[in-house]
Amino acid sequence: PQVPATRSDGGKAGKQSGKRDVFAYAEDAERETSRSLAVGAALGCLTLAVYIKTAYPTVPGGDAGELCHMSCALGVAHPPGYPLFIMLGYLFTVLIPVGTPGFRV
């Protein structure tokens, strides 16, 4: 937060000067908001790029492979089965048309 500077006229200026102060504050807030959105968008794009670069490209072995397979078939894996993971994995295999099923899940 910015601290307003003391005025040389002892704060006895007319209303016009007060309106300019409010408009200057609004412009600063707008500039700060646009800067925050730009930084947020840049960080989001960077995070997505790192995730895509490091994502497992195919179906892995073990439980992870079984869960990927069950996500594609909408089946039940061994107990406890992880139903939320299976349903979300199925949605990703249906909604994302790019890559292998292992990459999509």
PDB file of N, CA and C in Angstrom:
ATOM      1  N   PRO A   1       0.829  -1.192   0.000  1.00  0.00           N
ATOM      2  CA  PRO A   1       0.000   0.000   0.000  1.00  0.00           C
ATOM      3  C   PRO A   1       0.869   1.249   0.000  1.00  0.00           C
ATOM      4  N   GLN A   2       0.449   2.206  -0.751  1.00  0.00           N
ATOM      5  CA  GLN A   2       1.195   3.443  -0.848  1.00  0.00           C
ATOM      6  C   GLN A   2       0.682   4.420   0.199  1.00  0.00           C
ATOM      7  N   VAL A   3       1.609   5.134   0.808  1.00  0.00           N
ATOM      8  CA  VAL A   3       1.262   6.146   1.790  1.00  0.00           C
ATOM      9  C   VAL A   3       1.199   7.482   1.061  1.00  0.00           C
ATOM     10  N   PRO A   4       0.064   8.193   1.148  1.00  0.00           N
ATOM     11  CA  PRO A   4      -0.025   9.473   0.435  1.00  0.00           C
ATOM     12  C   PRO A   4       0.940  10.499   1.027  1.00  0.00           C
ATOM     13  N   ALA A   5       1.558  11.244   0.154  1.00  0.00           N
ATOM     14  CA  ALA A   5       2.501  12.281   0.591  1.00  0.00           C
ATOM     15  C   ALA A   5       1.717  13.448   1.192  1.00  0.00           C
ATOM     16  N   THR A   6       2.322  14.129   2.149  1.00  0.00           N
ATOM     17  CA  THR A   6       1.665  15.295   2.733  1.00  0.00           C
ATOM     18  C   THR A   6       1.675  16.419   1.717  1.00  0.00           C
ATOM     19  N   ARG A   7       0.639  17.189   1.724  1.00  0.00           N
ATOM     20  CA  ARG A   7       0.509  18.240   0.730  1.00  0.00           C
ATOM     21  C   ARG A   7       1.078  19.539   1.281  1.00  0.00           C
ATOM     22  N   SER A   8       1.586  20.335   0.384  1.00  0.00           N
ATOM     23  CA  SER A   8       2.217  21.588   0.797  1.00  0.00           C
ATOM     24  C   SER A   8       1.179  22.630   1.221  1.00  0.00           C
ATOM     25  N   ASP A   9      -0.073  22.479   0.799  1.00  0.00           N
ATOM     26  CA  ASP A   9      -1.088  23.470   1.160  1.00  0.00           C
ATOM     27  C   ASP A   9      -1.832  23.084   2.436  1.00  0.00           C
ATOM     28  N   GLY A  10      -1.330  22.099   3.175  1.00  0.00           N
ATOM     29  CA  GLY A  10      -1.954  21.715   4.424  1.00  0.00           C
ATOM     30  C   GLY A  10      -3.251  20.947   4.240  1.00  0.00           C
ATOM     31  N   GLY A  11      -3.484  20.381   3.063  1.00  0.00           N
ATOM     32  CA  GLY A  11      -4.693  19.608   2.813  1.00  0.00           C
ATOM     33  C   GLY A  11      -5.906  20.453   2.536  1.00  0.00           C
ATOM     34  N   LYS A  12      -5.716  21.725   2.155  1.00  0.00           N
ATOM     35  CA  LYS A  12      -6.835  22.636   1.925  1.00  0.00           C
ATOM     36  C   LYS A  12      -7.159  22.790   0.446  1.00  0.00           C
ATOM     37  N   ALA A  13      -6.714  21.867  -0.383  1.00  0.00           N
ATOM     38  CA  ALA A  13      -6.983  21.982  -1.816  1.00  0.00           C
ATOM     39  C   ALA A  13      -8.451  21.674  -2.084  1.00  0.00           C
ATOM     40  N   GLY A  14      -8.944  22.082  -3.242  1.00  0.00           N
ATOM     41  CA  GLY A  14     -10.338  21.870  -3.613  1.00  0.00           C
ATOM     42  C   GLY A  14     -10.624  20.410  -3.933  1.00  0.00           C
ATOM     43  N   LYS A  15     -11.876  20.140  -4.273  1.00  0.00           N
ATOM     44  CA  LYS A  15     -12.296  18.779  -4.559  1.00  0.00           C
ATOM     45  C   LYS A  15     -11.661  18.228  -5.826  1.00  0.00           C
ATOM     46  N   GLN A  16     -11.290  19.068  -6.745  1.00  0.00           N
ATOM     47  CA  GLN A  16     -10.666  18.608  -7.985  1.00  0.00           C
ATOM     48  C   GLN A  16      -9.399  17.814  -7.687  1.00  0.00           C
ATOM     49  N   SER A  17      -8.596  18.309  -6.768  1.00  0.00           N
ATOM     50  CA  SER A  17      -7.348  17.630  -6.442  1.00  0.00           C
ATOM     51  C   SER A  17      -7.626  16.257  -5.840  1.00  0.00           C
ATOM     52  N   GLY A  18      -8.661  16.138  -5.018  1.00  0.00           N
ATOM     53  CA  GLY A  18      -9.023  14.865  -4.413  1.00  0.00           C
ATOM     54  C   GLY A  18      -9.450  13.849  -5.458  1.00  0.00           C
ATOM     55  N   LYS A  19     -10.165  14.290  -6.493  1.00  0.00           N
ATOM     56  CA  LYS A  19     -10.586  13.382  -7.558  1.00  0.00           C
ATOM     57  C   LYS A  19      -9.386  12.858  -8.322  1.00  0.00           C
ATOM     58  N   ARG A  20      -8.411  13.702  -8.539  1.00  0.00           N
ATOM     59  CA  ARG A  20      -7.210  13.242  -9.245  1.00  0.00           C
ATOM     60  C   ARG A  20      -6.508  12.169  -8.430  1.00  0.00           C
ATOM     61  N   ASP A  21      -6.481  12.310  -7.108  1.00  0.00           N
ATOM     62  CA  ASP A  21      -5.834  11.309  -6.269  1.00  0.00           C
ATOM     63  C   ASP A  21      -6.559   9.968  -6.388  1.00  0.00           C
ATOM     64  N   VAL A  22      -7.888   9.992  -6.430  1.00  0.00           N
ATOM     65  CA  VAL A  22      -8.662   8.766  -6.557  1.00  0.00           C
ATOM     66  C   VAL A  22      -8.420   8.125  -7.910  1.00  0.00           C
ATOM     67  N   PHE A  23      -8.378   8.922  -8.966  1.00  0.00           N
ATOM     68  CA  PHE A  23      -8.134   8.384 -10.297  1.00  0.00           C
ATOM     69  C   PHE A  23      -6.722   7.811 -10.404  1.00  0.00           C
ATOM     70  N   ALA A  24      -5.761   8.462  -9.792  1.00  0.00           N
ATOM     71  CA  ALA A  24      -4.388   7.953  -9.824  1.00  0.00           C
ATOM     72  C   ALA A  24      -4.319   6.610  -9.101  1.00  0.00           C
ATOM     73  N   TYR A  25      -5.029   6.484  -7.983  1.00  0.00           N
ATOM     74  CA  TYR A  25      -5.053   5.209  -7.246  1.00  0.00           C
ATOM     75  C   TYR A  25      -5.703   4.115  -8.087  1.00  0.00           C
ATOM     76  N   ALA A  26      -6.794   4.446  -8.795  1.00  0.00           N
ATOM     77  CA  ALA A  26      -7.485   3.468  -9.633  1.00  0.00           C
ATOM     78  C   ALA A  26      -6.585   3.010 -10.776  1.00  0.00           C
ATOM     79  N   GLU A  27      -5.833   3.937 -11.369  1.00  0.00           N
ATOM     80  CA  GLU A  27      -4.919   3.564 -12.445  1.00  0.00           C
ATOM     81  C   GLU A  27      -3.813   2.654 -11.926  1.00  0.00           C
ATOM     82  N   ASP A  28      -3.299   2.947 -10.728  1.00  0.00           N
ATOM     83  CA  ASP A  28      -2.271   2.086 -10.135  1.00  0.00           C
ATOM     84  C   ASP A  28      -2.825   0.692  -9.865  1.00  0.00           C
ATOM     85  N   ALA A  29      -4.048   0.613  -9.362  1.00  0.00           N
ATOM     86  CA  ALA A  29      -4.656  -0.685  -9.068  1.00  0.00           C
ATOM     87  C   ALA A  29      -4.887  -1.478 -10.350  1.00  0.00           C
ATOM     88  N   GLU A  30      -5.312  -0.797 -11.412  1.00  0.00           N
ATOM     89  CA  GLU A  30      -5.527  -1.462 -12.695  1.00  0.00           C
ATOM     90  C   GLU A  30      -4.210  -1.984 -13.259  1.00  0.00           C
ATOM     91  N   ARG A  31      -3.167  -1.197 -13.147  1.00  0.00           N
ATOM     92  CA  ARG A  31      -1.852  -1.613 -13.630  1.00  0.00           C
ATOM     93  C   ARG A  31      -1.351  -2.831 -12.836  1.00  0.00           C
ATOM     94  N   GLU A  32      -1.560  -2.803 -11.521  1.00  0.00           N
ATOM     95  CA  GLU A  32      -1.133  -3.917 -10.673  1.00  0.00           C
ATOM     96  C   GLU A  32      -1.916  -5.187 -10.996  1.00  0.00           C
ATOM     97  N   THR A  33      -3.214  -5.052 -11.270  1.00  0.00           N
ATOM     98  CA  THR A  33      -4.038  -6.205 -11.611  1.00  0.00           C
ATOM     99  C   THR A  33      -3.587  -6.825 -12.921  1.00  0.00           C
ATOM    100  N   SER A  34      -3.330  -6.016 -13.924  1.00  0.00           N
ATOM    101  CA  SER A  34      -2.894  -6.553 -15.211  1.00  0.00           C
ATOM    102  C   SER A  34      -1.522  -7.212 -15.090  1.00  0.00           C
ATOM    103  N   ARG A  35      -0.657  -6.669 -14.254  1.00  0.00           N
ATOM    104  CA  ARG A  35       0.657  -7.271 -14.033  1.00  0.00           C
ATOM    105  C   ARG A  35       0.509  -8.615 -13.326  1.00  0.00           C
ATOM    106  N   SER A  36      -0.393  -8.687 -12.344  1.00  0.00           N
ATOM    107  CA  SER A  36      -0.626  -9.943 -11.631  1.00  0.00           C
ATOM    108  C   SER A  36      -1.185 -11.010 -12.566  1.00  0.00           C
ATOM    109  N   LEU A  37      -2.103 -10.639 -13.444  1.00  0.00           N
ATOM    110  CA  LEU A  37      -2.650 -11.590 -14.402  1.00  0.00           C
ATOM    111  C   LEU A  37      -1.577 -12.091 -15.362  1.00  0.00           C
ATOM    112  N   ALA A  38      -0.703 -11.212 -15.807  1.00  0.00           N
ATOM    113  CA  ALA A  38       0.365 -11.620 -16.716  1.00  0.00           C
ATOM    114  C   ALA A  38       1.331 -12.584 -16.032  1.00  0.00           C
ATOM    115  N   VAL A  39       1.688 -12.302 -14.788  1.00  0.00           N
ATOM    116  CA  VAL A  39       2.586 -13.191 -14.048  1.00  0.00           C
ATOM    117  C   VAL A  39       1.913 -14.542 -13.807  1.00  0.00           C
ATOM    118  N   GLY A  40       0.644 -14.536 -13.451  1.00  0.00           N
ATOM    119  CA  GLY A  40      -0.093 -15.775 -13.234  1.00  0.00           C
ATOM    120  C   GLY A  40      -0.202 -16.616 -14.488  1.00  0.00           C
ATOM    121  N   ALA A  41      -0.484 -15.967 -15.619  1.00  0.00           N
ATOM    122  CA  ALA A  41      -0.570 -16.695 -16.888  1.00  0.00           C
ATOM    123  C   ALA A  41       0.789 -17.278 -17.274  1.00  0.00           C
ATOM    124  N   ALA A  42       1.859 -16.527 -17.071  1.00  0.00           N
ATOM    125  CA  ALA A  42       3.197 -17.024 -17.397  1.00  0.00           C
ATOM    126  C   ALA A  42       3.562 -18.217 -16.522  1.00  0.00           C
ATOM    127  N   LEU A  43       3.259 -18.157 -15.231  1.00  0.00           N
ATOM    128  CA  LEU A  43       3.549 -19.283 -14.340  1.00  0.00           C
ATOM    129  C   LEU A  43       2.699 -20.503 -14.686  1.00  0.00           C
ATOM    130  N   GLY A  44       1.456 -20.280 -15.049  1.00  0.00           N
ATOM    131  CA  GLY A  44       0.597 -21.393 -15.458  1.00  0.00           C
ATOM    132  C   GLY A  44       1.114 -22.080 -16.712  1.00  0.00           C
ATOM    133  N   CYS A  45       1.545 -21.296 -17.698  1.00  0.00           N
ATOM    134  CA  CYS A  45       2.101 -21.873 -18.933  1.00  0.00           C
ATOM    135  C   CYS A  45       3.397 -22.623 -18.654  1.00  0.00           C
ATOM    136  N   LEU A  46       4.241 -22.082 -17.796  1.00  0.00           N
ATOM    137  CA  LEU A  46       5.486 -22.754 -17.444  1.00  0.00           C
ATOM    138  C   LEU A  46       5.207 -24.080 -16.738  1.00  0.00           C
ATOM    139  N   THR A  47       4.262 -24.086 -15.807  1.00  0.00           N
ATOM    140  CA  THR A  47       3.909 -25.309 -15.092  1.00  0.00           C
ATOM    141  C   THR A  47       3.354 -26.357 -16.046  1.00  0.00           C
ATOM    142  N   LEU A  48       2.488 -25.955 -16.966  1.00  0.00           N
ATOM    143  CA  LEU A  48       1.929 -26.882 -17.946  1.00  0.00           C
ATOM    144  C   LEU A  48       3.024 -27.449 -18.844  1.00  0.00           C
ATOM    145  N   ALA A  49       3.956 -26.610 -19.273  1.00  0.00           N
ATOM    146  CA  ALA A  49       5.055 -27.082 -20.126  1.00  0.00           C
ATOM    147  C   ALA A  49       5.922 -28.106 -19.391  1.00  0.00           C
ATOM    148  N   VAL A  50       6.231 -27.858 -18.127  1.00  0.00           N
ATOM    149  CA  VAL A  50       7.035 -28.810 -17.354  1.00  0.00           C
ATOM    150  C   VAL A  50       6.275 -30.110 -17.167  1.00  0.00           C
ATOM    151  N   TYR A  51       4.983 -30.037 -16.896  1.00  0.00           N
ATOM    152  CA  TYR A  51       4.184 -31.247 -16.712  1.00  0.00           C
ATOM    153  C   TYR A  51       4.148 -32.078 -17.993  1.00  0.00           C
ATOM    154  N   ILE A  52       3.894 -31.436 -19.122  1.00  0.00           N
ATOM    155  CA  ILE A  52       3.829 -32.162 -20.392  1.00  0.00           C
ATOM    156  C   ILE A  52       5.178 -32.783 -20.730  1.00  0.00           C
ATOM    157  N   LYS A  53       6.250 -32.070 -20.461  1.00  0.00           N
ATOM    158  CA  LYS A  53       7.590 -32.579 -20.766  1.00  0.00           C
ATOM    159  C   LYS A  53       7.949 -33.780 -19.900  1.00  0.00           C
ATOM    160  N   THR A  54       7.480 -33.824 -18.649  1.00  0.00           N
ATOM    161  CA  THR A  54       7.880 -34.885 -17.734  1.00  0.00           C
ATOM    162  C   THR A  54       6.812 -35.961 -17.548  1.00  0.00           C
ATOM    163  N   ALA A  55       5.681 -35.884 -18.232  1.00  0.00           N
ATOM    164  CA  ALA A  55       4.617 -36.882 -18.082  1.00  0.00           C
ATOM    165  C   ALA A  55       5.067 -38.220 -18.661  1.00  0.00           C
ATOM    166  N   TYR A  56       4.626 -39.306 -18.042  1.00  0.00           N
ATOM    167  CA  TYR A  56       4.963 -40.642 -18.505  1.00  0.00           C
ATOM    168  C   TYR A  56       4.280 -40.872 -19.848  1.00  0.00           C
ATOM    169  N   PRO A  57       5.017 -41.223 -20.920  1.00  0.00           N
ATOM    170  CA  PRO A  57       4.433 -41.260 -22.263  1.00  0.00           C
ATOM    171  C   PRO A  57       3.568 -42.492 -22.561  1.00  0.00           C
ATOM    172  N   THR A  58       3.772 -43.595 -21.834  1.00  0.00           N
ATOM    173  CA  THR A  58       3.019 -44.807 -22.130  1.00  0.00           C
ATOM    174  C   THR A  58       2.436 -45.374 -20.833  1.00  0.00           C
ATOM    175  N   VAL A  59       1.908 -46.578 -20.917  1.00  0.00           N
ATOM    176  CA  VAL A  59       1.341 -47.227 -19.737  1.00  0.00           C
ATOM    177  C   VAL A  59       2.479 -47.833 -18.926  1.00  0.00           C
ATOM    178  N   PRO A  60       2.644 -47.436 -17.667  1.00  0.00           N
ATOM    179  CA  PRO A  60       3.714 -48.003 -16.845  1.00  0.00           C
ATOM    180  C   PRO A  60       3.315 -49.378 -16.291  1.00  0.00           C
ATOM    181  N   GLY A  61       4.265 -50.080 -15.724  1.00  0.00           N
ATOM    182  CA  GLY A  61       3.987 -51.387 -15.157  1.00  0.00           C
ATOM    183  C   GLY A  61       3.438 -51.281 -13.747  1.00  0.00           C
ATOM    184  N   GLY A  62       3.034 -52.421 -13.181  1.00  0.00           N
ATOM    185  CA  GLY A  62       2.546 -52.452 -11.803  1.00  0.00           C
ATOM    186  C   GLY A  62       1.139 -51.921 -11.669  1.00  0.00           C
ATOM    187  N   ASP A  63       0.838 -51.423 -10.476  1.00  0.00           N
ATOM    188  CA  ASP A  63      -0.508 -50.918 -10.198  1.00  0.00           C
ATOM    189  C   ASP A  63      -0.869 -49.730 -11.082  1.00  0.00           C
ATOM    190  N   ALA A  64       0.103 -48.901 -11.394  1.00  0.00           N
ATOM    191  CA  ALA A  64      -0.196 -47.736 -12.223  1.00  0.00           C
ATOM    192  C   ALA A  64      -0.669 -48.176 -13.608  1.00  0.00           C
ATOM    193  N   GLY A  65      -0.047 -49.203 -14.163  1.00  0.00           N
ATOM    194  CA  GLY A  65      -0.477 -49.723 -15.461  1.00  0.00           C
ATOM    195  C   GLY A  65      -1.863 -50.330 -15.392  1.00  0.00           C
ATOM    196  N   GLU A  66      -2.144 -51.040 -14.300  1.00  0.00           N
ATOM    197  CA  GLU A  66      -3.463 -51.644 -14.127  1.00  0.00           C
ATOM    198  C   GLU A  66      -4.533 -50.558 -14.008  1.00  0.00           C
ATOM    199  N   LEU A  67      -4.228 -49.511 -13.263  1.00  0.00           N
ATOM    200  CA  LEU A  67      -5.200 -48.428 -13.115  1.00  0.00           C
ATOM    201  C   LEU A  67      -5.415 -47.677 -14.428  1.00  0.00           C
ATOM    202  N   CYS A  68      -4.361 -47.507 -15.223  1.00  0.00           N
ATOM    203  CA  CYS A  68      -4.527 -46.876 -16.539  1.00  0.00           C
ATOM    204  C   CYS A  68      -5.412 -47.738 -17.428  1.00  0.00           C
ATOM    205  N   HIS A  69      -5.167 -49.053 -17.411  1.00  0.00           N
ATOM    206  CA  HIS A  69      -5.974 -49.961 -18.229  1.00  0.00           C
ATOM    207  C   HIS A  69      -7.433 -49.933 -17.790  1.00  0.00           C
ATOM    208  N   MET A  70      -7.680 -49.975 -16.500  1.00  0.00           N
ATOM    209  CA  MET A  70      -9.052 -49.953 -16.003  1.00  0.00           C
ATOM    210  C   MET A  70      -9.733 -48.615 -16.277  1.00  0.00           C
ATOM    211  N   SER A  71      -8.943 -47.541 -16.348  1.00  0.00           N
ATOM    212  CA  SER A  71      -9.516 -46.235 -16.693  1.00  0.00           C
ATOM    213  C   SER A  71     -10.017 -46.230 -18.127  1.00  0.00           C
ATOM    214  N   CYS A  72      -9.273 -46.866 -19.021  1.00  0.00           N
ATOM    215  CA  CYS A  72      -9.690 -46.910 -20.427  1.00  0.00           C
ATOM    216  C   CYS A  72     -10.902 -47.822 -20.625  1.00  0.00           C
ATOM    217  N   ALA A  73     -10.943 -48.931 -19.863  1.00  0.00           N
ATOM    218  CA  ALA A  73     -12.030 -49.894 -20.012  1.00  0.00           C
ATOM    219  C   ALA A  73     -13.209 -49.584 -19.086  1.00  0.00           C
ATOM    220  N   LEU A  74     -13.041 -48.637 -18.189  1.00  0.00           N
ATOM    221  CA  LEU A  74     -14.036 -48.290 -17.179  1.00  0.00           C
ATOM    222  C   LEU A  74     -14.411 -49.527 -16.363  1.00  0.00           C
ATOM    223  N   GLY A  75     -13.359 -50.218 -15.924  1.00  0.00           N
ATOM    224  CA  GLY A  75     -13.545 -51.432 -15.143  1.00  0.00           C
ATOM    225  C   GLY A  75     -13.203 -51.204 -13.682  1.00  0.00           C
ATOM    226  N   VAL A  76     -13.120 -52.306 -12.940  1.00  0.00           N
ATOM    227  CA  VAL A  76     -12.809 -52.247 -11.519  1.00  0.00           C
ATOM    228  C   VAL A  76     -11.441 -52.872 -11.314  1.00  0.00           C
ATOM    229  N   ALA A  77     -10.528 -52.107 -10.762  1.00  0.00           N
ATOM    230  CA  ALA A  77      -9.200 -52.629 -10.448  1.00  0.00           C
ATOM    231  C   ALA A  77      -9.295 -53.433  -9.158  1.00  0.00           C
ATOM    232  N   HIS A  78      -8.193 -54.019  -8.737  1.00  0.00           N
ATOM    233  CA  HIS A  78      -8.193 -54.799  -7.498  1.00  0.00           C
ATOM    234  C   HIS A  78      -8.623 -53.917  -6.321  1.00  0.00           C
ATOM    235  N   PRO A  79      -9.122 -54.520  -5.236  1.00  0.00           N
ATOM    236  CA  PRO A  79      -9.593 -53.724  -4.102  1.00  0.00           C
ATOM    237  C   PRO A  79      -8.494 -52.819  -3.567  1.00  0.00           C
ATOM    238  N   PRO A  80      -8.760 -51.603  -3.222  1.00  0.00           N
ATOM    239  CA  PRO A  80     -10.043 -50.934  -3.133  1.00  0.00           C
ATOM    240  C   PRO A  80     -10.546 -50.388  -4.454  1.00  0.00           C
ATOM    241  N   GLY A  81      -9.781 -50.441  -5.498  1.00  0.00           N
ATOM    242  CA  GLY A  81     -10.286 -50.090  -6.816  1.00  0.00           C
ATOM    243  C   GLY A  81     -10.157 -48.641  -7.214  1.00  0.00           C
ATOM    244  N   TYR A  82     -10.064 -47.726  -6.278  1.00  0.00           N
ATOM    245  CA  TYR A  82      -9.902 -46.296  -6.563  1.00  0.00           C
ATOM    246  C   TYR A  82     -10.922 -45.794  -7.582  1.00  0.00           C
ATOM    247  N   PRO A  83     -12.208 -45.811  -7.252  1.00  0.00           N
ATOM    248  CA  PRO A  83     -13.245 -45.465  -8.226  1.00  0.00           C
ATOM    249  C   PRO A  83     -13.139 -44.035  -8.764  1.00  0.00           C
ATOM    250  N   LEU A  84     -12.770 -43.082  -7.925  1.00  0.00           N
ATOM    251  CA  LEU A  84     -12.655 -41.700  -8.414  1.00  0.00           C
ATOM    252  C   LEU A  84     -11.544 -41.599  -9.453  1.00  0.00           C
ATOM    253  N   PHE A  85     -10.413 -42.245  -9.191  1.00  0.00           N
ATOM    254  CA  PHE A  85      -9.305 -42.226 -10.151  1.00  0.00           C
ATOM    255  C   PHE A  85      -9.741 -42.863 -11.472  1.00  0.00           C
ATOM    256  N   ILE A  86     -10.463 -43.975 -11.405  1.00  0.00           N
ATOM    257  CA  ILE A  86     -10.919 -44.672 -12.617  1.00  0.00           C
ATOM    258  C   ILE A  86     -11.865 -43.781 -13.419  1.00  0.00           C
ATOM    259  N   MET A  87     -12.820 -43.139 -12.744  1.00  0.00           N
ATOM    260  CA  MET A  87     -13.779 -42.285 -13.461  1.00  0.00           C
ATOM    261  C   MET A  87     -13.108 -41.057 -14.067  1.00  0.00           C
ATOM    262  N   LEU A  88     -12.206 -40.418 -13.317  1.00  0.00           N
ATOM    263  CA  LEU A  88     -11.504 -39.249 -13.865  1.00  0.00           C
ATOM    264  C   LEU A  88     -10.571 -39.655 -15.007  1.00  0.00           C
ATOM    265  N   GLY A  89      -9.917 -40.795 -14.853  1.00  0.00           N
ATOM    266  CA  GLY A  89      -9.058 -41.290 -15.934  1.00  0.00           C
ATOM    267  C   GLY A  89      -9.857 -41.562 -17.192  1.00  0.00           C
ATOM    268  N   TYR A  90     -11.044 -42.141 -17.041  1.00  0.00           N
ATOM    269  CA  TYR A  90     -11.900 -42.385 -18.201  1.00  0.00           C
ATOM    270  C   TYR A  90     -12.295 -41.075 -18.874  1.00  0.00           C
ATOM    271  N   LEU A  91     -12.633 -40.061 -18.078  1.00  0.00           N
ATOM    272  CA  LEU A  91     -12.970 -38.763 -18.665  1.00  0.00           C
ATOM    273  C   LEU A  91     -11.810 -38.192 -19.462  1.00  0.00           C
ATOM    274  N   PHE A  92     -10.601 -38.318 -18.931  1.00  0.00           N
ATOM    275  CA  PHE A  92      -9.440 -37.797 -19.656  1.00  0.00           C
ATOM    276  C   PHE A  92      -9.183 -38.578 -20.935  1.00  0.00           C
ATOM    277  N   THR A  93      -9.422 -39.897 -20.936  1.00  0.00           N
ATOM    278  CA  THR A  93      -9.209 -40.662 -22.165  1.00  0.00           C
ATOM    279  C   THR A  93     -10.243 -40.300 -23.221  1.00  0.00           C
ATOM    280  N   VAL A  94     -11.441 -39.916 -22.803  1.00  0.00           N
ATOM    281  CA  VAL A  94     -12.486 -39.547 -23.751  1.00  0.00           C
ATOM    282  C   VAL A  94     -12.321 -38.098 -24.220  1.00  0.00           C
ATOM    283  N   LEU A  95     -11.982 -37.196 -23.304  1.00  0.00           N
ATOM    284  CA  LEU A  95     -11.955 -35.767 -23.634  1.00  0.00           C
ATOM    285  C   LEU A  95     -10.673 -35.306 -24.317  1.00  0.00           C
ATOM    286  N   ILE A  96      -9.556 -35.981 -24.083  1.00  0.00           N
ATOM    287  CA  ILE A  96      -8.279 -35.553 -24.664  1.00  0.00           C
ATOM    288  C   ILE A  96      -7.936 -36.481 -25.821  1.00  0.00           C
ATOM    289  N   PRO A  97      -8.010 -36.003 -27.054  1.00  0.00           N
ATOM    290  CA  PRO A  97      -7.786 -36.877 -28.204  1.00  0.00           C
ATOM    291  C   PRO A  97      -6.310 -36.999 -28.626  1.00  0.00           C
ATOM    292  N   VAL A  98      -5.383 -36.566 -27.800  1.00  0.00           N
ATOM    293  CA  VAL A  98      -3.965 -36.531 -28.189  1.00  0.00           C
ATOM    294  C   VAL A  98      -3.169 -37.506 -27.349  1.00  0.00           C
ATOM    295  N   GLY A  99      -2.309 -38.268 -27.976  1.00  0.00           N
ATOM    296  CA  GLY A  99      -1.389 -39.128 -27.244  1.00  0.00           C
ATOM    297  C   GLY A  99      -1.937 -40.508 -26.931  1.00  0.00           C
ATOM    298  N   THR A 100      -1.113 -41.271 -26.261  1.00  0.00           N
ATOM    299  CA  THR A 100      -1.483 -42.635 -25.891  1.00  0.00           C
ATOM    300  C   THR A 100      -2.407 -42.611 -24.675  1.00  0.00           C
ATOM    301  N   PRO A 101      -3.108 -43.709 -24.425  1.00  0.00           N
ATOM    302  CA  PRO A 101      -3.961 -43.746 -23.230  1.00  0.00           C
ATOM    303  C   PRO A 101      -3.170 -43.529 -21.941  1.00  0.00           C
ATOM    304  N   GLY A 102      -1.955 -44.045 -21.874  1.00  0.00           N
ATOM    305  CA  GLY A 102      -1.138 -43.842 -20.685  1.00  0.00           C
ATOM    306  C   GLY A 102      -0.836 -42.374 -20.455  1.00  0.00           C
ATOM    307  N   PHE A 103      -0.598 -41.629 -21.514  1.00  0.00           N
ATOM    308  CA  PHE A 103      -0.330 -40.196 -21.405  1.00  0.00           C
ATOM    309  C   PHE A 103      -1.596 -39.456 -20.997  1.00  0.00           C
ATOM    310  N   ARG A 104      -2.730 -39.859 -21.528  1.00  0.00           N
ATOM    311  CA  ARG A 104      -3.988 -39.179 -21.234  1.00  0.00           C
ATOM    312  C   ARG A 104      -4.412 -39.372 -19.785  1.00  0.00           C
ATOM    313  N   VAL A 105      -4.215 -40.576 -19.262  1.00  0.00           N
ATOM    314  CA  VAL A 105      -4.617 -40.843 -17.882  1.00  0.00           C
ATOM    315  C   VAL A 105      -3.615 -40.211 -16.965  1.00  0.00           C
TER     316      VAL A 105
END
